[in-house]
C-alpha cells in the first residue's frame, strides 16, 4: 500500500488548506492509500517536512501555488532526491499547474492524485534554491515587489496591470553581463525573465517551443518597457512570438550566469516571491522532479 504525505500551510488565515487536505485524505483513503497530514508552521518547517518525506513516503502532496511547490522542491534538493509530487492548486495564478495542465478544480486535482501518473519534469536551481516556474529581475520584478499579498487576494492578476502602468513613469534600465553556456556579452535591459515552461502569469501559450522536460532555460531580455513597446510586446506575447519581437533578446540555454554592472543593487523574484540579489547562476537539473499528471497527457 502506498504512503502519501500532504503538507499545507497551517498558519492563521489558511483554514481552507486544512479543509482541502482532509478532503484529499478521505478520497485517497477510499482509493486504498495511507495518508498523513502535516500542517506546516513556516517555510522552514515545510522544507524540513518535504526533505524527510523522500525517505518515508511514496508521494508528497502540496496545496498552493508556485511558492508552495517551490518550497517542496527545496526539500527535495536538500535530500538530494525526489519522490512523486502531487499538486492541488491553491494560489492566485497557479502558473506551474497550468503549464502542466494539472486541474485547477480542487476535486479534479485530488482525483488526479489517484489516477495520475508521474512525469519527469525539469527543475531550475540557483545554488540550493529551486526555481519551478520563473525568475524575474528589473522592472517586472519591481512591479511584483510592489504588489502586496492582500492586493493579490482582492484583485487577482489585474493588480499587476495597475502596478505596471504606474511603473511606466520610470525609465530605469540595468547593465548586465550575461554568460549563457559559455557565451558572454554585456548589454542593458529593463526586464529579464527566465522560464522553464511555456507559461508565464498563467498564460500557457507564451512560448509554444518550451516544454517542461526540454532540459532548457528560456531567457527573455526586454530592452525597453514603455507604453508603445508594451503594446508591441503584448501582441507578440499573445501570439506566442515574444522572442521574435524587436527589442527582445531570447536565449535558450542550460546554464546562465547574470552579473550586475550597474551601481544600483538588483534583486530577483523566484516563482513570485522575493529572492536573492545578483550575481546569480541558474542551471537546469534535468528530469529531477516527478510530477503527477493526468493520464490523458502521458
C-alpha atoms as a PDB file:
ATOM      1  CA  UNK A   1       0.000   0.000   0.000  1.00  0.00           C
ATOM      2  CA  UNK A   2       1.344   3.431  -0.962  1.00  0.00           C
ATOM      3  CA  UNK A   3       2.056   6.043   1.675  1.00  0.00           C
ATOM      4  CA  UNK A   4       1.246   9.703   0.982  1.00  0.00           C
ATOM      5  CA  UNK A   5       2.125  12.855   2.911  1.00  0.00           C
ATOM      6  CA  UNK A   6       0.058  16.001   2.397  1.00  0.00           C
ATOM      7  CA  UNK A   7       1.707  19.215   3.553  1.00  0.00           C
ATOM      8  CA  UNK A   8      -0.152  22.513   3.785  1.00  0.00           C
ATOM      9  CA  UNK A   9       0.215  25.936   5.338  1.00  0.00           C
ATOM     10  CA  UNK A  10      -1.265  25.619   8.797  1.00  0.00           C
ATOM     11  CA  UNK A  11      -0.853  29.254   9.843  1.00  0.00           C
ATOM     12  CA  UNK A  12      -3.725  31.608  10.577  1.00  0.00           C
ATOM     13  CA  UNK A  13      -5.805  32.656   7.591  1.00  0.00           C
ATOM     14  CA  UNK A  14      -5.172  29.413   5.715  1.00  0.00           C
ATOM     15  CA  UNK A  15      -8.112  27.371   7.069  1.00  0.00           C
ATOM     16  CA  UNK A  16      -9.217  26.381   3.553  1.00  0.00           C
ATOM     17  CA  UNK A  17      -5.994  24.422   3.154  1.00  0.00           C
ATOM     18  CA  UNK A  18      -6.827  22.200   6.127  1.00  0.00           C
ATOM     19  CA  UNK A  19     -10.309  21.513   4.744  1.00  0.00           C
ATOM     20  CA  UNK A  20      -8.831  20.627   1.346  1.00  0.00           C
ATOM     21  CA  UNK A  21      -6.143  18.453   2.937  1.00  0.00           C
ATOM     22  CA  UNK A  22      -8.705  16.457   4.922  1.00  0.00           C
ATOM     23  CA  UNK A  23     -10.878  16.005   1.840  1.00  0.00           C
ATOM     24  CA  UNK A  24      -7.878  14.736  -0.113  1.00  0.00           C
ATOM     25  CA  UNK A  25      -7.039  12.396   2.758  1.00  0.00           C
ATOM     26  CA  UNK A  26     -10.542  10.907   2.664  1.00  0.00           C
ATOM     27  CA  UNK A  27     -10.518  10.413  -1.101  1.00  0.00           C
ATOM     28  CA  UNK A  28      -7.066   8.863  -1.067  1.00  0.00           C
ATOM     29  CA  UNK A  29      -8.043   6.552   1.799  1.00  0.00           C
ATOM     30  CA  UNK A  30     -11.016   5.400  -0.253  1.00  0.00           C
ATOM     31  CA  UNK A  31      -8.586   4.631  -3.069  1.00  0.00           C
ATOM     32  CA  UNK A  32      -6.527   2.422  -0.749  1.00  0.00           C
ATOM     33  CA  UNK A  33      -3.724   4.846   0.164  1.00  0.00           C
ATOM     34  CA  UNK A  34      -2.232   5.538   3.576  1.00  0.00           C
ATOM     35  CA  UNK A  35      -2.227   9.298   4.105  1.00  0.00           C
ATOM     36  CA  UNK A  36      -0.626  11.506   6.730  1.00  0.00           C
ATOM     37  CA  UNK A  37      -1.257  15.241   7.077  1.00  0.00           C
ATOM     38  CA  UNK A  38       1.312  17.827   8.124  1.00  0.00           C
ATOM     39  CA  UNK A  39       0.259  21.404   8.864  1.00  0.00           C
ATOM     40  CA  UNK A  40       3.430  23.458   8.492  1.00  0.00           C
ATOM     41  CA  UNK A  41       4.111  26.494  10.649  1.00  0.00           C
ATOM     42  CA  UNK A  42       6.709  28.169   8.440  1.00  0.00           C
ATOM     43  CA  UNK A  43       8.577  27.845   5.164  1.00  0.00           C
ATOM     44  CA  UNK A  44      11.479  26.275   7.054  1.00  0.00           C
ATOM     45  CA  UNK A  45       9.129  23.695   8.548  1.00  0.00           C
ATOM     46  CA  UNK A  46       7.659  22.902   5.110  1.00  0.00           C
ATOM     47  CA  UNK A  47      11.122  22.397   3.619  1.00  0.00           C
ATOM     48  CA  UNK A  48      12.012  20.089   6.515  1.00  0.00           C
ATOM     49  CA  UNK A  49       8.836  18.028   6.004  1.00  0.00           C
ATOM     50  CA  UNK A  50       9.465  17.761   2.255  1.00  0.00           C
ATOM     51  CA  UNK A  51      13.050  16.670   2.777  1.00  0.00           C
ATOM     52  CA  UNK A  52      12.056  13.978   5.281  1.00  0.00           C
ATOM     53  CA  UNK A  53       9.264  12.712   3.017  1.00  0.00           C
ATOM     54  CA  UNK A  54      11.752  11.412   0.429  1.00  0.00           C
ATOM     55  CA  UNK A  55      12.807   8.566   2.719  1.00  0.00           C
ATOM     56  CA  UNK A  56       9.460   7.854   4.394  1.00  0.00           C
ATOM     57  CA  UNK A  57       6.743   8.214   1.750  1.00  0.00           C
ATOM     58  CA  UNK A  58       5.923   7.181  -1.787  1.00  0.00           C
ATOM     59  CA  UNK A  59       4.352  10.513  -2.705  1.00  0.00           C
ATOM     60  CA  UNK A  60       4.319  14.093  -1.398  1.00  0.00           C
ATOM     61  CA  UNK A  61       1.290  16.325  -1.976  1.00  0.00           C
ATOM     62  CA  UNK A  62       1.389  20.108  -1.665  1.00  0.00           C
ATOM     63  CA  UNK A  63      -1.516  22.549  -1.604  1.00  0.00           C
ATOM     64  CA  UNK A  64      -0.934  26.028  -3.008  1.00  0.00           C
ATOM     65  CA  UNK A  65       0.629  27.973  -5.848  1.00  0.00           C
ATOM     66  CA  UNK A  66       4.119  28.189  -7.313  1.00  0.00           C
ATOM     67  CA  UNK A  67       5.571  29.332  -3.987  1.00  0.00           C
ATOM     68  CA  UNK A  68       4.305  26.228  -2.180  1.00  0.00           C
ATOM     69  CA  UNK A  69       5.604  23.969  -4.952  1.00  0.00           C
ATOM     70  CA  UNK A  70       8.953  25.762  -4.757  1.00  0.00           C
ATOM     71  CA  UNK A  71       9.130  25.033  -1.021  1.00  0.00           C
ATOM     72  CA  UNK A  72       8.502  21.319  -1.602  1.00  0.00           C
ATOM     73  CA  UNK A  73      11.239  21.279  -4.246  1.00  0.00           C
ATOM     74  CA  UNK A  74      13.626  22.980  -1.817  1.00  0.00           C
ATOM     75  CA  UNK A  75      13.156  19.992   0.479  1.00  0.00           C
ATOM     76  CA  UNK A  76      13.847  17.604  -2.397  1.00  0.00           C
ATOM     77  CA  UNK A  77      17.057  19.451  -3.220  1.00  0.00           C
ATOM     78  CA  UNK A  78      18.223  19.230   0.379  1.00  0.00           C
ATOM     79  CA  UNK A  79      17.511  15.492   0.312  1.00  0.00           C
ATOM     80  CA  UNK A  80      19.365  15.092  -2.978  1.00  0.00           C
ATOM     81  CA  UNK A  81      16.444  13.148  -4.431  1.00  0.00           C
ATOM     82  CA  UNK A  82      12.755  13.466  -5.192  1.00  0.00           C
ATOM     83  CA  UNK A  83       9.631  11.354  -4.935  1.00  0.00           C
ATOM     84  CA  UNK A  84       6.421  11.788  -6.969  1.00  0.00           C
ATOM     85  CA  UNK A  85       4.872  15.178  -6.231  1.00  0.00           C
ATOM     86  CA  UNK A  86       1.133  15.749  -6.347  1.00  0.00           C
ATOM     87  CA  UNK A  87      -0.213  19.281  -6.654  1.00  0.00           C
ATOM     88  CA  UNK A  88      -3.551  20.680  -5.510  1.00  0.00           C
ATOM     89  CA  UNK A  89      -3.515  24.229  -6.934  1.00  0.00           C
ATOM     90  CA  UNK A  90      -4.405  26.895  -4.395  1.00  0.00           C
ATOM     91  CA  UNK A  91      -2.524  30.005  -5.453  1.00  0.00           C
ATOM     92  CA  UNK A  92      -3.596  33.167  -7.233  1.00  0.00           C
ATOM     93  CA  UNK A  93      -2.059  32.379 -10.636  1.00  0.00           C
ATOM     94  CA  UNK A  94      -1.023  28.698 -10.383  1.00  0.00           C
ATOM     95  CA  UNK A  95       1.367  29.145 -13.299  1.00  0.00           C
ATOM     96  CA  UNK A  96       3.214  25.826 -12.885  1.00  0.00           C
ATOM     97  CA  UNK A  97      -0.014  23.834 -12.569  1.00  0.00           C
ATOM     98  CA  UNK A  98      -1.417  25.498 -15.688  1.00  0.00           C
ATOM     99  CA  UNK A  99       1.737  24.759 -17.658  1.00  0.00           C
ATOM    100  CA  UNK A 100       1.496  21.074 -16.732  1.00  0.00           C
ATOM    101  CA  UNK A 101      -2.298  21.016 -17.276  1.00  0.00           C
ATOM    102  CA  UNK A 102      -2.992  19.923 -13.721  1.00  0.00           C
ATOM    103  CA  UNK A 103      -6.685  20.530 -12.946  1.00  0.00           C
ATOM    104  CA  UNK A 104      -7.352  23.794 -11.114  1.00  0.00           C
ATOM    105  CA  UNK A 105     -10.619  22.444  -9.729  1.00  0.00           C
ATOM    106  CA  UNK A 106      -9.935  21.031  -6.266  1.00  0.00           C
ATOM    107  CA  UNK A 107     -11.940  17.805  -6.660  1.00  0.00           C
ATOM    108  CA  UNK A 108     -10.391  17.087 -10.057  1.00  0.00           C
ATOM    109  CA  UNK A 109      -6.922  17.863  -8.722  1.00  0.00           C
ATOM    110  CA  UNK A 110      -7.462  15.384  -5.880  1.00  0.00           C
ATOM    111  CA  UNK A 111      -8.716  12.784  -8.342  1.00  0.00           C
ATOM    112  CA  UNK A 112      -5.518  13.336 -10.317  1.00  0.00           C
ATOM    113  CA  UNK A 113      -3.571  12.253  -7.220  1.00  0.00           C
ATOM    114  CA  UNK A 114      -5.323   8.903  -7.595  1.00  0.00           C
ATOM    115  CA  UNK A 115      -5.488   8.481 -11.358  1.00  0.00           C
ATOM    116  CA  UNK A 116      -2.441  10.447 -12.496  1.00  0.00           C
ATOM    117  CA  UNK A 117       0.996   9.093 -13.252  1.00  0.00           C
ATOM    118  CA  UNK A 118       4.423  10.647 -12.570  1.00  0.00           C
ATOM    119  CA  UNK A 119       6.145  12.505 -15.394  1.00  0.00           C
ATOM    120  CA  UNK A 120       9.751  13.631 -15.372  1.00  0.00           C
ATOM    121  CA  UNK A 121       9.953  17.424 -15.146  1.00  0.00           C
ATOM    122  CA  UNK A 122      12.953  19.755 -15.176  1.00  0.00           C
ATOM    123  CA  UNK A 123      13.853  21.923 -12.208  1.00  0.00           C
ATOM    124  CA  UNK A 124      15.980  25.061 -12.390  1.00  0.00           C
ATOM    125  CA  UNK A 125      18.298  25.843  -9.497  1.00  0.00           C
ATOM    126  CA  UNK A 126      20.260  28.814  -8.198  1.00  0.00           C
ATOM    127  CA  UNK A 127      22.638  27.106  -5.823  1.00  0.00           C
ATOM    128  CA  UNK A 128      20.394  25.298  -3.336  1.00  0.00           C
ATOM    129  CA  UNK A 129      17.376  27.423  -4.278  1.00  0.00           C
ATOM    130  CA  UNK A 130      14.849  25.884  -6.677  1.00  0.00           C
ATOM    131  CA  UNK A 131      13.000  27.676  -9.463  1.00  0.00           C
ATOM    132  CA  UNK A 132       9.980  25.726 -10.670  1.00  0.00           C
ATOM    133  CA  UNK A 133       8.411  28.274 -12.990  1.00  0.00           C
ATOM    134  CA  UNK A 134      10.010  31.685 -13.419  1.00  0.00           C
ATOM    135  CA  UNK A 135      12.664  34.142 -12.339  1.00  0.00           C
ATOM    136  CA  UNK A 136      12.391  37.868 -12.987  1.00  0.00           C
ATOM    137  CA  UNK A 137      14.549  40.893 -12.420  1.00  0.00           C
ATOM    138  CA  UNK A 138      14.350  44.502 -13.467  1.00  0.00           C
ATOM    139  CA  UNK A 139      11.129  46.426 -13.844  1.00  0.00           C
ATOM    140  CA  UNK A 140       8.972  43.301 -13.979  1.00  0.00           C
ATOM    141  CA  UNK A 141      10.356  42.274 -10.596  1.00  0.00           C
ATOM    142  CA  UNK A 142       9.902  45.841  -9.366  1.00  0.00           C
ATOM    143  CA  UNK A 143       6.202  45.645 -10.262  1.00  0.00           C
ATOM    144  CA  UNK A 144       5.805  42.365  -8.379  1.00  0.00           C
ATOM    145  CA  UNK A 145       7.711  43.789  -5.426  1.00  0.00           C
ATOM    146  CA  UNK A 146       5.065  46.496  -5.110  1.00  0.00           C
ATOM    147  CA  UNK A 147       2.156  44.035  -5.069  1.00  0.00           C
ATOM    148  CA  UNK A 148       1.027  43.076  -1.570  1.00  0.00           C
ATOM    149  CA  UNK A 149      -0.483  39.673  -0.757  1.00  0.00           C
ATOM    150  CA  UNK A 150      -3.735  41.330   0.305  1.00  0.00           C
ATOM    151  CA  UNK A 151      -3.931  43.061  -3.084  1.00  0.00           C
ATOM    152  CA  UNK A 152      -3.346  39.776  -4.909  1.00  0.00           C
ATOM    153  CA  UNK A 153      -6.172  38.125  -2.980  1.00  0.00           C
ATOM    154  CA  UNK A 154      -8.537  41.043  -3.579  1.00  0.00           C
ATOM    155  CA  UNK A 155      -7.811  41.909  -7.222  1.00  0.00           C
ATOM    156  CA  UNK A 156      -6.156  38.752  -8.597  1.00  0.00           C
ATOM    157  CA  UNK A 157      -3.846  39.082 -11.606  1.00  0.00           C
ATOM    158  CA  UNK A 158      -5.329  42.501 -12.562  1.00  0.00           C
ATOM    159  CA  UNK A 159      -3.321  44.138  -9.784  1.00  0.00           C
ATOM    160  CA  UNK A 160      -0.153  43.531 -11.816  1.00  0.00           C
ATOM    161  CA  UNK A 161      -1.601  45.566 -14.688  1.00  0.00           C
ATOM    162  CA  UNK A 162      -2.363  48.502 -12.370  1.00  0.00           C
ATOM    163  CA  UNK A 163       1.129  48.416 -10.860  1.00  0.00           C
ATOM    164  CA  UNK A 164       2.653  48.044 -14.325  1.00  0.00           C
ATOM    165  CA  UNK A 165       1.001  51.229 -15.558  1.00  0.00           C
ATOM    166  CA  UNK A 166       2.476  53.086 -12.592  1.00  0.00           C
ATOM    167  CA  UNK A 167       5.913  51.637 -13.371  1.00  0.00           C
ATOM    168  CA  UNK A 168       5.728  53.103 -16.906  1.00  0.00           C
ATOM    169  CA  UNK A 169       6.528  56.509 -15.476  1.00  0.00           C
ATOM    170  CA  UNK A 170      10.069  55.391 -14.637  1.00  0.00           C
ATOM    171  CA  UNK A 171      12.798  54.800 -17.189  1.00  0.00           C
ATOM    172  CA  UNK A 172      15.157  52.535 -15.340  1.00  0.00           C
ATOM    173  CA  UNK A 173      17.433  50.070 -17.118  1.00  0.00           C
ATOM    174  CA  UNK A 174      20.158  47.742 -15.894  1.00  0.00           C
ATOM    175  CA  UNK A 175      23.602  46.992 -17.259  1.00  0.00           C
ATOM    176  CA  UNK A 176      24.162  43.248 -17.153  1.00  0.00           C
ATOM    177  CA  UNK A 177      26.861  40.780 -18.047  1.00  0.00           C
ATOM    178  CA  UNK A 178      25.359  37.577 -19.387  1.00  0.00           C
ATOM    179  CA  UNK A 179      27.206  34.277 -19.769  1.00  0.00           C
ATOM    180  CA  UNK A 180      24.986  31.603 -21.313  1.00  0.00           C
ATOM    181  CA  UNK A 181      26.506  28.171 -21.936  1.00  0.00           C
ATOM    182  CA  UNK A 182      29.942  29.788 -22.232  1.00  0.00           C
ATOM    183  CA  UNK A 183      28.988  32.719 -24.491  1.00  0.00           C
ATOM    184  CA  UNK A 184      29.388  36.127 -22.833  1.00  0.00           C
ATOM    185  CA  UNK A 185      28.043  39.578 -23.650  1.00  0.00           C
ATOM    186  CA  UNK A 186      27.284  42.852 -21.889  1.00  0.00           C
ATOM    187  CA  UNK A 187      24.004  44.673 -22.501  1.00  0.00           C
ATOM    188  CA  UNK A 188      21.374  46.922 -20.990  1.00  0.00           C
ATOM    189  CA  UNK A 189      17.843  45.705 -20.311  1.00  0.00           C
ATOM    190  CA  UNK A 190      14.837  46.846 -18.359  1.00  0.00           C
ATOM    191  CA  UNK A 191      13.403  43.371 -17.837  1.00  0.00           C
ATOM    192  CA  UNK A 192      14.900  39.891 -17.664  1.00  0.00           C
ATOM    193  CA  UNK A 193      12.685  36.822 -17.480  1.00  0.00           C
ATOM    194  CA  UNK A 194      13.724  33.167 -17.199  1.00  0.00           C
ATOM    195  CA  UNK A 195      11.178  30.364 -17.549  1.00  0.00           C
ATOM    196  CA  UNK A 196      11.249  26.575 -17.513  1.00  0.00           C
ATOM    197  CA  UNK A 197       7.872  26.023 -19.194  1.00  0.00           C
ATOM    198  CA  UNK A 198       5.623  27.505 -21.873  1.00  0.00           C
ATOM    199  CA  UNK A 199       3.630  29.549 -19.349  1.00  0.00           C
ATOM    200  CA  UNK A 200       4.031  32.977 -17.743  1.00  0.00           C
ATOM    201  CA  UNK A 201       1.459  34.572 -15.494  1.00  0.00           C
ATOM    202  CA  UNK A 202      -0.900  31.707 -16.196  1.00  0.00           C
ATOM    203  CA  UNK A 203      -0.830  32.296 -19.961  1.00  0.00           C
ATOM    204  CA  UNK A 204       0.138  28.902 -21.376  1.00  0.00           C
ATOM    205  CA  UNK A 205       0.723  29.952 -24.996  1.00  0.00           C
ATOM    206  CA  UNK A 206       3.535  32.337 -24.054  1.00  0.00           C
ATOM    207  CA  UNK A 207       6.322  30.239 -25.589  1.00  0.00           C
ATOM    208  CA  UNK A 208       4.996  27.212 -27.511  1.00  0.00           C
ATOM    209  CA  UNK A 209       8.517  25.909 -28.180  1.00  0.00           C
ATOM    210  CA  UNK A 210       9.198  25.395 -24.462  1.00  0.00           C
ATOM    211  CA  UNK A 211       8.243  22.202 -22.646  1.00  0.00           C
ATOM    212  CA  UNK A 212       8.593  21.099 -19.036  1.00  0.00           C
ATOM    213  CA  UNK A 213      11.098  18.388 -19.990  1.00  0.00           C
ATOM    214  CA  UNK A 214      13.249  20.032 -22.688  1.00  0.00           C
ATOM    215  CA  UNK A 215      16.266  20.384 -20.349  1.00  0.00           C
ATOM    216  CA  UNK A 216      16.496  24.134 -21.127  1.00  0.00           C
ATOM    217  CA  UNK A 217      16.127  27.586 -19.655  1.00  0.00           C
ATOM    218  CA  UNK A 218      14.258  30.133 -21.754  1.00  0.00           C
ATOM    219  CA  UNK A 219      15.620  33.640 -21.203  1.00  0.00           C
ATOM    220  CA  UNK A 220      14.000  36.867 -22.401  1.00  0.00           C
ATOM    221  CA  UNK A 221      15.638  40.290 -22.120  1.00  0.00           C
ATOM    222  CA  UNK A 222      13.436  43.297 -22.904  1.00  0.00           C
ATOM    223  CA  UNK A 223      15.454  46.374 -23.669  1.00  0.00           C
ATOM    224  CA  UNK A 224      12.629  48.893 -23.313  1.00  0.00           C
ATOM    225  CA  UNK A 225       9.421  48.920 -21.247  1.00  0.00           C
ATOM    226  CA  UNK A 226       7.448  51.920 -22.491  1.00  0.00           C
ATOM    227  CA  UNK A 227       3.758  52.135 -23.348  1.00  0.00           C
ATOM    228  CA  UNK A 228       4.305  51.759 -27.132  1.00  0.00           C
ATOM    229  CA  UNK A 229       6.647  48.832 -26.512  1.00  0.00           C
ATOM    230  CA  UNK A 230       4.173  47.180 -24.146  1.00  0.00           C
ATOM    231  CA  UNK A 231       1.566  47.234 -26.887  1.00  0.00           C
ATOM    232  CA  UNK A 232       4.036  45.651 -29.300  1.00  0.00           C
ATOM    233  CA  UNK A 233       5.243  43.115 -26.759  1.00  0.00           C
ATOM    234  CA  UNK A 234       1.640  42.303 -25.849  1.00  0.00           C
ATOM    235  CA  UNK A 235       0.753  41.380 -29.431  1.00  0.00           C
ATOM    236  CA  UNK A 236       3.810  39.142 -29.766  1.00  0.00           C
ATOM    237  CA  UNK A 237       3.226  37.711 -26.279  1.00  0.00           C
ATOM    238  CA  UNK A 238      -0.349  36.685 -27.035  1.00  0.00           C
ATOM    239  CA  UNK A 239       0.680  35.083 -30.315  1.00  0.00           C
ATOM    240  CA  UNK A 240       3.465  33.097 -28.664  1.00  0.00           C
ATOM    241  CA  UNK A 241       6.181  35.001 -30.530  1.00  0.00           C
ATOM    242  CA  UNK A 242       7.655  37.336 -27.922  1.00  0.00           C
ATOM    243  CA  UNK A 243      11.142  36.078 -28.705  1.00  0.00           C
ATOM    244  CA  UNK A 244      10.776  37.438 -32.251  1.00  0.00           C
ATOM    245  CA  UNK A 245       9.747  40.958 -31.219  1.00  0.00           C
ATOM    246  CA  UNK A 246      12.131  43.828 -31.921  1.00  0.00           C
ATOM    247  CA  UNK A 247      13.860  44.880 -28.733  1.00  0.00           C
ATOM    248  CA  UNK A 248      13.702  41.384 -27.239  1.00  0.00           C
ATOM    249  CA  UNK A 249      16.725  39.137 -26.912  1.00  0.00           C
ATOM    250  CA  UNK A 250      15.957  35.438 -26.493  1.00  0.00           C
ATOM    251  CA  UNK A 251      18.436  32.888 -25.192  1.00  0.00           C
ATOM    252  CA  UNK A 252      17.870  29.146 -24.906  1.00  0.00           C
ATOM    253  CA  UNK A 253      20.476  27.509 -22.687  1.00  0.00           C
ATOM    254  CA  UNK A 254      21.159  25.017 -19.927  1.00  0.00           C
ATOM    255  CA  UNK A 255      23.105  27.390 -17.690  1.00  0.00           C
ATOM    256  CA  UNK A 256      23.291  31.153 -17.387  1.00  0.00           C
ATOM    257  CA  UNK A 257      25.235  33.498 -15.141  1.00  0.00           C
ATOM    258  CA  UNK A 258      23.978  37.053 -14.693  1.00  0.00           C
ATOM    259  CA  UNK A 259      26.156  39.772 -13.182  1.00  0.00           C
ATOM    260  CA  UNK A 260      25.167  43.297 -12.195  1.00  0.00           C
ATOM    261  CA  UNK A 261      27.295  46.024 -13.769  1.00  0.00           C
ATOM    262  CA  UNK A 262      25.012  48.828 -12.545  1.00  0.00           C
ATOM    263  CA  UNK A 263      25.578  50.850  -9.386  1.00  0.00           C
ATOM    264  CA  UNK A 264      22.084  50.004  -8.130  1.00  0.00           C
ATOM    265  CA  UNK A 265      21.512  46.690  -6.340  1.00  0.00           C
ATOM    266  CA  UNK A 266      19.346  44.323  -8.391  1.00  0.00           C
ATOM    267  CA  UNK A 267      17.177  41.762  -6.630  1.00  0.00           C
ATOM    268  CA  UNK A 268      15.358  38.854  -8.224  1.00  0.00           C
ATOM    269  CA  UNK A 269      11.970  37.245  -7.721  1.00  0.00           C
ATOM    270  CA  UNK A 270      11.620  33.474  -7.993  1.00  0.00           C
ATOM    271  CA  UNK A 271       8.203  31.892  -8.536  1.00  0.00           C
ATOM    272  CA  UNK A 272       6.587  35.149  -7.480  1.00  0.00           C
ATOM    273  CA  UNK A 273       8.472  35.610  -4.210  1.00  0.00           C
ATOM    274  CA  UNK A 274      11.404  37.927  -3.330  1.00  0.00           C
ATOM    275  CA  UNK A 275      14.769  36.222  -3.708  1.00  0.00           C
ATOM    276  CA  UNK A 276      18.498  36.909  -3.835  1.00  0.00           C
ATOM    277  CA  UNK A 277      20.368  39.778  -5.486  1.00  0.00           C
ATOM    278  CA  UNK A 278      22.728  39.474  -8.456  1.00  0.00           C
ATOM    279  CA  UNK A 279      25.081  37.868  -9.308  1.00  0.00           C
ATOM    280  CA  UNK A 280      23.359  34.532  -9.843  1.00  0.00           C
ATOM    281  CA  UNK A 281      23.987  31.354 -11.780  1.00  0.00           C
ATOM    282  CA  UNK A 282      20.923  29.427 -12.944  1.00  0.00           C
ATOM    283  CA  UNK A 283      21.217  25.793 -14.003  1.00  0.00           C
ATOM    284  CA  UNK A 284      18.821  23.113 -15.202  1.00  0.00           C
ATOM    285  CA  UNK A 285      18.502  19.934 -13.180  1.00  0.00           C
ATOM    286  CA  UNK A 286      17.033  17.803 -15.954  1.00  0.00           C
ATOM    287  CA  UNK A 287      14.175  15.424 -15.074  1.00  0.00           C
ATOM    288  CA  UNK A 288      14.736  15.897 -11.347  1.00  0.00           C
ATOM    289  CA  UNK A 289      11.057  16.146 -10.488  1.00  0.00           C
ATOM    290  CA  UNK A 290       8.343  13.517 -10.862  1.00  0.00           C
ATOM    291  CA  UNK A 291       5.021  15.355 -11.074  1.00  0.00           C
ATOM    292  CA  UNK A 292       1.671  13.550 -11.051  1.00  0.00           C
ATOM    293  CA  UNK A 293      -0.022  14.490 -14.316  1.00  0.00           C
ATOM    294  CA  UNK A 294      -3.376  13.457 -15.789  1.00  0.00           C
ATOM    295  CA  UNK A 295      -3.005  10.199 -17.696  1.00  0.00           C
ATOM    296  CA  UNK A 296      -4.517  11.824 -20.772  1.00  0.00           C
ATOM    297  CA  UNK A 297      -1.333  13.893 -21.074  1.00  0.00           C
ATOM    298  CA  UNK A 298       1.089  10.973 -20.772  1.00  0.00           C
END
